[in-house]
Amino acid sequence: MTAALNASKRIGYQKVTRHDIALEAGVSDNLVSNYWGTMTQLRRDIMRHAVRTGLLEVIAQGLVAGDSQAGKASLQLKQQALEQLM
């Protein structure tokens, strides 16, 4: 998950691909696909982890994109994340 979060911060939550994550982790694209069957599942898990760990940069991207998992963050966390954009 660390590689997925790092790639999301670097490339952008909505733009990150399995290949980007595989490169970040030093593994094959197929291994990433084995853990997350679809990009929807992958992005959901990335955002859930970002919310749990308070990764503001990724949460902000999710809020802007209308991500439902980002919307479940606490009001304080959402405000802090959006402040990152200003």
PDB file of N, CA and C in Angstrom:
ATOM      1  N   MET A   1       0.819  -1.191   0.000  1.00  0.00           N
ATOM      2  CA  MET A   1       0.000   0.000   0.000  1.00  0.00           C
ATOM      3  C   MET A   1       0.866   1.258   0.000  1.00  0.00           C
ATOM      4  N   THR A   2       2.042   1.170   0.605  1.00  0.00           N
ATOM      5  CA  THR A   2       2.925   2.333   0.631  1.00  0.00           C
ATOM      6  C   THR A   2       3.277   2.779  -0.781  1.00  0.00           C
ATOM      7  N   ALA A   3       3.563   1.829  -1.639  1.00  0.00           N
ATOM      8  CA  ALA A   3       3.895   2.166  -3.027  1.00  0.00           C
ATOM      9  C   ALA A   3       2.707   2.810  -3.726  1.00  0.00           C
ATOM     10  N   ALA A   4       1.512   2.312  -3.469  1.00  0.00           N
ATOM     11  CA  ALA A   4       0.313   2.879  -4.089  1.00  0.00           C
ATOM     12  C   ALA A   4       0.082   4.308  -3.616  1.00  0.00           C
ATOM     13  N   LEU A   5       0.278   4.544  -2.326  1.00  0.00           N
ATOM     14  CA  LEU A   5       0.110   5.895  -1.800  1.00  0.00           C
ATOM     15  C   LEU A   5       1.175   6.847  -2.345  1.00  0.00           C
ATOM     16  N   ASN A   6       2.418   6.390  -2.382  1.00  0.00           N
ATOM     17  CA  ASN A   6       3.494   7.234  -2.909  1.00  0.00           C
ATOM     18  C   ASN A   6       3.269   7.574  -4.383  1.00  0.00           C
ATOM     19  N   ALA A   7       2.859   6.590  -5.153  1.00  0.00           N
ATOM     20  CA  ALA A   7       2.586   6.829  -6.572  1.00  0.00           C
ATOM     21  C   ALA A   7       1.405   7.782  -6.738  1.00  0.00           C
ATOM     22  N   SER A   8       0.401   7.645  -5.887  1.00  0.00           N
ATOM     23  CA  SER A   8      -0.764   8.536  -5.950  1.00  0.00           C
ATOM     24  C   SER A   8      -0.383   9.972  -5.627  1.00  0.00           C
ATOM     25  N   LYS A   9       0.484  10.150  -4.647  1.00  0.00           N
ATOM     26  CA  LYS A   9       0.948  11.501  -4.317  1.00  0.00           C
ATOM     27  C   LYS A   9       1.751  12.092  -5.475  1.00  0.00           C
ATOM     28  N   ARG A  10       2.618  11.283  -6.056  1.00  0.00           N
ATOM     29  CA  ARG A  10       3.518  11.771  -7.103  1.00  0.00           C
ATOM     30  C   ARG A  10       2.803  12.030  -8.428  1.00  0.00           C
ATOM     31  N   ILE A  11       1.933  11.107  -8.824  1.00  0.00           N
ATOM     32  CA  ILE A  11       1.306  11.158 -10.149  1.00  0.00           C
ATOM     33  C   ILE A  11      -0.084  11.780 -10.103  1.00  0.00           C
ATOM     34  N   GLY A  12      -0.768  11.527  -8.995  1.00  0.00           N
ATOM     35  CA  GLY A  12      -2.149  11.983  -8.863  1.00  0.00           C
ATOM     36  C   GLY A  12      -3.061  10.790  -8.668  1.00  0.00           C
ATOM     37  N   TYR A  13      -3.951  10.925  -7.718  1.00  0.00           N
ATOM     38  CA  TYR A  13      -4.858   9.842  -7.335  1.00  0.00           C
ATOM     39  C   TYR A  13      -5.676   9.319  -8.511  1.00  0.00           C
ATOM     40  N   GLN A  14      -6.192  10.195  -9.340  1.00  0.00           N
ATOM     41  CA  GLN A  14      -7.027   9.776 -10.467  1.00  0.00           C
ATOM     42  C   GLN A  14      -6.222   9.287 -11.663  1.00  0.00           C
ATOM     43  N   LYS A  15      -4.935   9.601 -11.699  1.00  0.00           N
ATOM     44  CA  LYS A  15      -4.109   9.235 -12.853  1.00  0.00           C
ATOM     45  C   LYS A  15      -3.239   8.006 -12.621  1.00  0.00           C
ATOM     46  N   VAL A  16      -3.068   7.595 -11.376  1.00  0.00           N
ATOM     47  CA  VAL A  16      -2.175   6.489 -11.064  1.00  0.00           C
ATOM     48  C   VAL A  16      -2.659   5.195 -11.723  1.00  0.00           C
ATOM     49  N   THR A  17      -1.719   4.402 -12.184  1.00  0.00           N
ATOM     50  CA  THR A  17      -2.041   3.132 -12.849  1.00  0.00           C
ATOM     51  C   THR A  17      -1.384   1.974 -12.094  1.00  0.00           C
ATOM     52  N   ARG A  18      -1.797   0.778 -12.430  1.00  0.00           N
ATOM     53  CA  ARG A  18      -1.154  -0.409 -11.856  1.00  0.00           C
ATOM     54  C   ARG A  18       0.335  -0.396 -12.163  1.00  0.00           C
ATOM     55  N   HIS A  19       0.660  -0.005 -13.372  1.00  0.00           N
ATOM     56  CA  HIS A  19       2.070   0.028 -13.788  1.00  0.00           C
ATOM     57  C   HIS A  19       2.864   1.017 -12.927  1.00  0.00           C
ATOM     58  N   ASP A  20       2.302   2.177 -12.656  1.00  0.00           N
ATOM     59  CA  ASP A  20       2.967   3.167 -11.796  1.00  0.00           C
ATOM     60  C   ASP A  20       3.246   2.585 -10.414  1.00  0.00           C
ATOM     61  N   ILE A  21       2.266   1.895  -9.882  1.00  0.00           N
ATOM     62  CA  ILE A  21       2.404   1.309  -8.552  1.00  0.00           C
ATOM     63  C   ILE A  21       3.426   0.185  -8.569  1.00  0.00           C
ATOM     64  N   ALA A  22       3.387  -0.633  -9.610  1.00  0.00           N
ATOM     65  CA  ALA A  22       4.360  -1.715  -9.738  1.00  0.00           C
ATOM     66  C   ALA A  22       5.786  -1.170  -9.815  1.00  0.00           C
ATOM     67  N   LEU A  23       5.993  -0.108 -10.585  1.00  0.00           N
ATOM     68  CA  LEU A  23       7.318   0.506 -10.665  1.00  0.00           C
ATOM     69  C   LEU A  23       7.762   1.032  -9.307  1.00  0.00           C
ATOM     70  N   GLU A  24       6.858   1.671  -8.600  1.00  0.00           N
ATOM     71  CA  GLU A  24       7.162   2.224  -7.277  1.00  0.00           C
ATOM     72  C   GLU A  24       7.563   1.116  -6.300  1.00  0.00           C
ATOM     73  N   ALA A  25       6.874  -0.028  -6.399  1.00  0.00           N
ATOM     74  CA  ALA A  25       7.115  -1.137  -5.478  1.00  0.00           C
ATOM     75  C   ALA A  25       8.221  -2.078  -5.947  1.00  0.00           C
ATOM     76  N   GLY A  26       8.612  -1.953  -7.211  1.00  0.00           N
ATOM     77  CA  GLY A  26       9.627  -2.852  -7.750  1.00  0.00           C
ATOM     78  C   GLY A  26       9.105  -4.257  -7.985  1.00  0.00           C
ATOM     79  N   VAL A  27       7.842  -4.354  -8.387  1.00  0.00           N
ATOM     80  CA  VAL A  27       7.212  -5.648  -8.663  1.00  0.00           C
ATOM     81  C   VAL A  27       6.581  -5.604 -10.058  1.00  0.00           C
ATOM     82  N   SER A  28       6.007  -6.729 -10.470  1.00  0.00           N
ATOM     83  CA  SER A  28       5.359  -6.784 -11.775  1.00  0.00           C
ATOM     84  C   SER A  28       3.947  -6.202 -11.713  1.00  0.00           C
ATOM     85  N   ASP A  29       3.480  -5.753 -12.867  1.00  0.00           N
ATOM     86  CA  ASP A  29       2.097  -5.261 -12.972  1.00  0.00           C
ATOM     87  C   ASP A  29       1.115  -6.356 -12.567  1.00  0.00           C
ATOM     88  N   ASN A  30       1.440  -7.604 -12.929  1.00  0.00           N
ATOM     89  CA  ASN A  30       0.539  -8.719 -12.611  1.00  0.00           C
ATOM     90  C   ASN A  30       0.370  -8.911 -11.113  1.00  0.00           C
ATOM     91  N   LEU A  31       1.427  -8.684 -10.359  1.00  0.00           N
ATOM     92  CA  LEU A  31       1.315  -8.825  -8.916  1.00  0.00           C
ATOM     93  C   LEU A  31       0.353  -7.790  -8.344  1.00  0.00           C
ATOM     94  N   VAL A  32       0.425  -6.574  -8.844  1.00  0.00           N
ATOM     95  CA  VAL A  32      -0.504  -5.530  -8.402  1.00  0.00           C
ATOM     96  C   VAL A  32      -1.930  -5.943  -8.762  1.00  0.00           C
ATOM     97  N   SER A  33      -2.113  -6.469  -9.956  1.00  0.00           N
ATOM     98  CA  SER A  33      -3.445  -6.918 -10.398  1.00  0.00           C
ATOM     99  C   SER A  33      -3.966  -8.058  -9.537  1.00  0.00           C
ATOM    100  N   ASN A  34      -3.077  -8.920  -9.047  1.00  0.00           N
ATOM    101  CA  ASN A  34      -3.510 -10.023  -8.183  1.00  0.00           C
ATOM    102  C   ASN A  34      -4.108  -9.508  -6.878  1.00  0.00           C
ATOM    103  N   TYR A  35      -3.574  -8.423  -6.366  1.00  0.00           N
ATOM    104  CA  TYR A  35      -4.079  -7.868  -5.108  1.00  0.00           C
ATOM    105  C   TYR A  35      -5.328  -7.022  -5.316  1.00  0.00           C
ATOM    106  N   TRP A  36      -5.381  -6.302  -6.410  1.00  0.00           N
ATOM    107  CA  TRP A  36      -6.524  -5.431  -6.706  1.00  0.00           C
ATOM    108  C   TRP A  36      -7.001  -5.743  -8.113  1.00  0.00           C
ATOM    109  N   GLY A  37      -8.130  -6.398  -8.212  1.00  0.00           N
ATOM    110  CA  GLY A  37      -8.633  -6.828  -9.500  1.00  0.00           C
ATOM    111  C   GLY A  37      -8.999  -5.690 -10.438  1.00  0.00           C
ATOM    112  N   THR A  38      -9.544  -4.622  -9.881  1.00  0.00           N
ATOM    113  CA  THR A  38      -9.964  -3.505 -10.728  1.00  0.00           C
ATOM    114  C   THR A  38      -9.361  -2.201 -10.204  1.00  0.00           C
ATOM    115  N   MET A  39      -9.297  -1.224 -11.055  1.00  0.00           N
ATOM    116  CA  MET A  39      -8.804   0.087 -10.643  1.00  0.00           C
ATOM    117  C   MET A  39      -9.764   0.718  -9.634  1.00  0.00           C
ATOM    118  N   THR A  40     -11.046   0.407  -9.737  1.00  0.00           N
ATOM    119  CA  THR A  40     -12.011   0.911  -8.764  1.00  0.00           C
ATOM    120  C   THR A  40     -11.667   0.390  -7.372  1.00  0.00           C
ATOM    121  N   GLN A  41     -11.385  -0.902  -7.264  1.00  0.00           N
ATOM    122  CA  GLN A  41     -11.005  -1.479  -5.980  1.00  0.00           C
ATOM    123  C   GLN A  41      -9.691  -0.874  -5.477  1.00  0.00           C
ATOM    124  N   LEU A  42      -8.757  -0.714  -6.378  1.00  0.00           N
ATOM    125  CA  LEU A  42      -7.463  -0.158  -6.011  1.00  0.00           C
ATOM    126  C   LEU A  42      -7.602   1.267  -5.494  1.00  0.00           C
ATOM    127  N   ARG A  43      -8.320   2.097  -6.215  1.00  0.00           N
ATOM    128  CA  ARG A  43      -8.500   3.488  -5.779  1.00  0.00           C
ATOM    129  C   ARG A  43      -9.277   3.574  -4.461  1.00  0.00           C
ATOM    130  N   ARG A  44     -10.270   2.703  -4.293  1.00  0.00           N
ATOM    131  CA  ARG A  44     -11.032   2.679  -3.043  1.00  0.00           C
ATOM    132  C   ARG A  44     -10.099   2.365  -1.872  1.00  0.00           C
ATOM    133  N   ASP A  45      -9.241   1.366  -2.044  1.00  0.00           N
ATOM    134  CA  ASP A  45      -8.326   0.995  -0.971  1.00  0.00           C
ATOM    135  C   ASP A  45      -7.274   2.067  -0.714  1.00  0.00           C
ATOM    136  N   ILE A  46      -6.804   2.704  -1.763  1.00  0.00           N
ATOM    137  CA  ILE A  46      -5.857   3.809  -1.594  1.00  0.00           C
ATOM    138  C   ILE A  46      -6.502   4.908  -0.761  1.00  0.00           C
ATOM    139  N   MET A  47      -7.722   5.279  -1.104  1.00  0.00           N
ATOM    140  CA  MET A  47      -8.375   6.369  -0.390  1.00  0.00           C
ATOM    141  C   MET A  47      -8.716   5.969   1.040  1.00  0.00           C
ATOM    142  N   ARG A  48      -9.162   4.759   1.245  1.00  0.00           N
ATOM    143  CA  ARG A  48      -9.443   4.309   2.610  1.00  0.00           C
ATOM    144  C   ARG A  48      -8.186   4.418   3.475  1.00  0.00           C
ATOM    145  N   HIS A  49      -7.074   3.982   2.927  1.00  0.00           N
ATOM    146  CA  HIS A  49      -5.819   4.044   3.678  1.00  0.00           C
ATOM    147  C   HIS A  49      -5.391   5.491   3.895  1.00  0.00           C
ATOM    148  N   ALA A  50      -5.569   6.324   2.898  1.00  0.00           N
ATOM    149  CA  ALA A  50      -5.220   7.744   3.039  1.00  0.00           C
ATOM    150  C   ALA A  50      -6.043   8.387   4.142  1.00  0.00           C
ATOM    151  N   VAL A  51      -7.328   8.058   4.225  1.00  0.00           N
ATOM    152  CA  VAL A  51      -8.191   8.617   5.262  1.00  0.00           C
ATOM    153  C   VAL A  51      -7.764   8.095   6.634  1.00  0.00           C
ATOM    154  N   ARG A  52      -7.482   6.802   6.734  1.00  0.00           N
ATOM    155  CA  ARG A  52      -7.064   6.229   8.025  1.00  0.00           C
ATOM    156  C   ARG A  52      -5.753   6.832   8.525  1.00  0.00           C
ATOM    157  N   THR A  53      -4.847   7.136   7.606  1.00  0.00           N
ATOM    158  CA  THR A  53      -3.525   7.616   8.009  1.00  0.00           C
ATOM    159  C   THR A  53      -3.394   9.135   7.936  1.00  0.00           C
ATOM    160  N   GLY A  54      -4.433   9.811   7.470  1.00  0.00           N
ATOM    161  CA  GLY A  54      -4.402  11.273   7.399  1.00  0.00           C
ATOM    162  C   GLY A  54      -3.501  11.823   6.310  1.00  0.00           C
ATOM    163  N   LEU A  55      -3.426  11.138   5.190  1.00  0.00           N
ATOM    164  CA  LEU A  55      -2.591  11.576   4.067  1.00  0.00           C
ATOM    165  C   LEU A  55      -3.337  12.668   3.296  1.00  0.00           C
ATOM    166  N   LEU A  56      -3.135  13.893   3.736  1.00  0.00           N
ATOM    167  CA  LEU A  56      -3.942  15.025   3.277  1.00  0.00           C
ATOM    168  C   LEU A  56      -3.886  15.249   1.775  1.00  0.00           C
ATOM    169  N   GLU A  57      -2.728  15.106   1.185  1.00  0.00           N
ATOM    170  CA  GLU A  57      -2.585  15.366  -0.250  1.00  0.00           C
ATOM    171  C   GLU A  57      -3.493  14.455  -1.078  1.00  0.00           C
ATOM    172  N   VAL A  58      -3.543  13.188  -0.733  1.00  0.00           N
ATOM    173  CA  VAL A  58      -4.370  12.232  -1.469  1.00  0.00           C
ATOM    174  C   VAL A  58      -5.851  12.443  -1.136  1.00  0.00           C
ATOM    175  N   ILE A  59      -6.159  12.724   0.121  1.00  0.00           N
ATOM    176  CA  ILE A  59      -7.550  12.992   0.503  1.00  0.00           C
ATOM    177  C   ILE A  59      -8.083  14.199  -0.267  1.00  0.00           C
ATOM    178  N   ALA A  60      -7.277  15.247  -0.371  1.00  0.00           N
ATOM    179  CA  ALA A  60      -7.702  16.446  -1.109  1.00  0.00           C
ATOM    180  C   ALA A  60      -8.023  16.101  -2.557  1.00  0.00           C
ATOM    181  N   GLN A  61      -7.190  15.290  -3.173  1.00  0.00           N
ATOM    182  CA  GLN A  61      -7.450  14.885  -4.561  1.00  0.00           C
ATOM    183  C   GLN A  61      -8.765  14.116  -4.653  1.00  0.00           C
ATOM    184  N   GLY A  62      -9.014  13.250  -3.677  1.00  0.00           N
ATOM    185  CA  GLY A  62     -10.255  12.485  -3.660  1.00  0.00           C
ATOM    186  C   GLY A  62     -11.479  13.358  -3.464  1.00  0.00           C
ATOM    187  N   LEU A  63     -11.368  14.355  -2.592  1.00  0.00           N
ATOM    188  CA  LEU A  63     -12.490  15.268  -2.375  1.00  0.00           C
ATOM    189  C   LEU A  63     -12.822  16.039  -3.637  1.00  0.00           C
ATOM    190  N   VAL A  64     -11.808  16.514  -4.314  1.00  0.00           N
ATOM    191  CA  VAL A  64     -12.027  17.260  -5.563  1.00  0.00           C
ATOM    192  C   VAL A  64     -12.672  16.363  -6.617  1.00  0.00           C
ATOM    193  N   ALA A  65     -12.281  15.087  -6.619  1.00  0.00           N
ATOM    194  CA  ALA A  65     -12.822  14.144  -7.606  1.00  0.00           C
ATOM    195  C   ALA A  65     -14.190  13.591  -7.210  1.00  0.00           C
ATOM    196  N   GLY A  66     -14.666  13.940  -6.012  1.00  0.00           N
ATOM    197  CA  GLY A  66     -15.963  13.432  -5.563  1.00  0.00           C
ATOM    198  C   GLY A  66     -15.921  11.999  -5.082  1.00  0.00           C
ATOM    199  N   ASP A  67     -14.766  11.550  -4.636  1.00  0.00           N
ATOM    200  CA  ASP A  67     -14.599  10.172  -4.179  1.00  0.00           C
ATOM    201  C   ASP A  67     -15.417   9.933  -2.902  1.00  0.00           C
ATOM    202  N   SER A  68     -16.202   8.867  -2.887  1.00  0.00           N
ATOM    203  CA  SER A  68     -17.071   8.588  -1.745  1.00  0.00           C
ATOM    204  C   SER A  68     -16.272   8.240  -0.496  1.00  0.00           C
ATOM    205  N   GLN A  69     -15.136   7.581  -0.651  1.00  0.00           N
ATOM    206  CA  GLN A  69     -14.313   7.238   0.508  1.00  0.00           C
ATOM    207  C   GLN A  69     -13.712   8.498   1.133  1.00  0.00           C
ATOM    208  N   ALA A  70     -13.286   9.438   0.316  1.00  0.00           N
ATOM    209  CA  ALA A  70     -12.758  10.704   0.834  1.00  0.00           C
ATOM    210  C   ALA A  70     -13.852  11.457   1.574  1.00  0.00           C
ATOM    211  N   GLY A  71     -15.070  11.351   1.077  1.00  0.00           N
ATOM    212  CA  GLY A  71     -16.201  12.009   1.718  1.00  0.00           C
ATOM    213  C   GLY A  71     -16.518  11.467   3.099  1.00  0.00           C
ATOM    214  N   LYS A  72     -16.022  10.275   3.421  1.00  0.00           N
ATOM    215  CA  LYS A  72     -16.258   9.672   4.730  1.00  0.00           C
ATOM    216  C   LYS A  72     -15.258  10.144   5.782  1.00  0.00           C
ATOM    217  N   ALA A  73     -14.277  10.922   5.370  1.00  0.00           N
ATOM    218  CA  ALA A  73     -13.308  11.456   6.330  1.00  0.00           C
ATOM    219  C   ALA A  73     -14.015  12.409   7.285  1.00  0.00           C
ATOM    220  N   SER A  74     -13.420  12.601   8.440  1.00  0.00           N
ATOM    221  CA  SER A  74     -13.999  13.543   9.401  1.00  0.00           C
ATOM    222  C   SER A  74     -13.991  14.949   8.807  1.00  0.00           C
ATOM    223  N   LEU A  75     -14.855  15.785   9.323  1.00  0.00           N
ATOM    224  CA  LEU A  75     -14.928  17.165   8.845  1.00  0.00           C
ATOM    225  C   LEU A  75     -13.578  17.861   9.007  1.00  0.00           C
ATOM    226  N   GLN A  76     -12.932  17.645  10.131  1.00  0.00           N
ATOM    227  CA  GLN A  76     -11.628  18.267  10.374  1.00  0.00           C
ATOM    228  C   GLN A  76     -10.599  17.803   9.348  1.00  0.00           C
ATOM    229  N   LEU A  77     -10.570  16.517   9.070  1.00  0.00           N
ATOM    230  CA  LEU A  77      -9.619  15.981   8.099  1.00  0.00           C
ATOM    231  C   LEU A  77      -9.902  16.531   6.704  1.00  0.00           C
ATOM    232  N   LYS A  78     -11.175  16.632   6.347  1.00  0.00           N
ATOM    233  CA  LYS A  78     -11.528  17.199   5.036  1.00  0.00           C
ATOM    234  C   LYS A  78     -11.083  18.651   4.939  1.00  0.00           C
ATOM    235  N   GLN A  79     -11.297  19.412   6.000  1.00  0.00           N
ATOM    236  CA  GLN A  79     -10.887  20.818   5.986  1.00  0.00           C
ATOM    237  C   GLN A  79      -9.367  20.939   5.857  1.00  0.00           C
ATOM    238  N   GLN A  80      -8.642  20.126   6.602  1.00  0.00           N
ATOM    239  CA  GLN A  80      -7.180  20.157   6.519  1.00  0.00           C
ATOM    240  C   GLN A  80      -6.703  19.778   5.127  1.00  0.00           C
ATOM    241  N   ALA A  81      -7.348  18.775   4.533  1.00  0.00           N
ATOM    242  CA  ALA A  81      -6.960  18.330   3.197  1.00  0.00           C
ATOM    243  C   ALA A  81      -7.205  19.427   2.173  1.00  0.00           C
ATOM    244  N   LEU A  82      -8.351  20.061   2.258  1.00  0.00           N
ATOM    245  CA  LEU A  82      -8.678  21.127   1.284  1.00  0.00           C
ATOM    246  C   LEU A  82      -7.773  22.342   1.456  1.00  0.00           C
ATOM    247  N   GLU A  83      -7.305  22.599   2.665  1.00  0.00           N
ATOM    248  CA  GLU A  83      -6.366  23.692   2.883  1.00  0.00           C
ATOM    249  C   GLU A  83      -5.060  23.456   2.128  1.00  0.00           C
ATOM    250  N   GLN A  84      -4.736  22.194   1.882  1.00  0.00           N
ATOM    251  CA  GLN A  84      -3.534  21.852   1.117  1.00  0.00           C
ATOM    252  C   GLN A  84      -3.607  22.383  -0.315  1.00  0.00           C
ATOM    253  N   LEU A  85      -4.808  22.567  -0.797  1.00  0.00           N
ATOM    254  CA  LEU A  85      -5.000  23.014  -2.179  1.00  0.00           C
ATOM    255  C   LEU A  85      -4.820  24.514  -2.333  1.00  0.00           C
ATOM    256  N   MET A  86      -4.878  25.242  -1.229  1.00  0.00           N
ATOM    257  CA  MET A  86      -4.827  26.714  -1.295  1.00  0.00           C
ATOM    258  C   MET A  86      -3.432  27.235  -1.164  1.00  0.00           C
TER     259      MET A  86
END
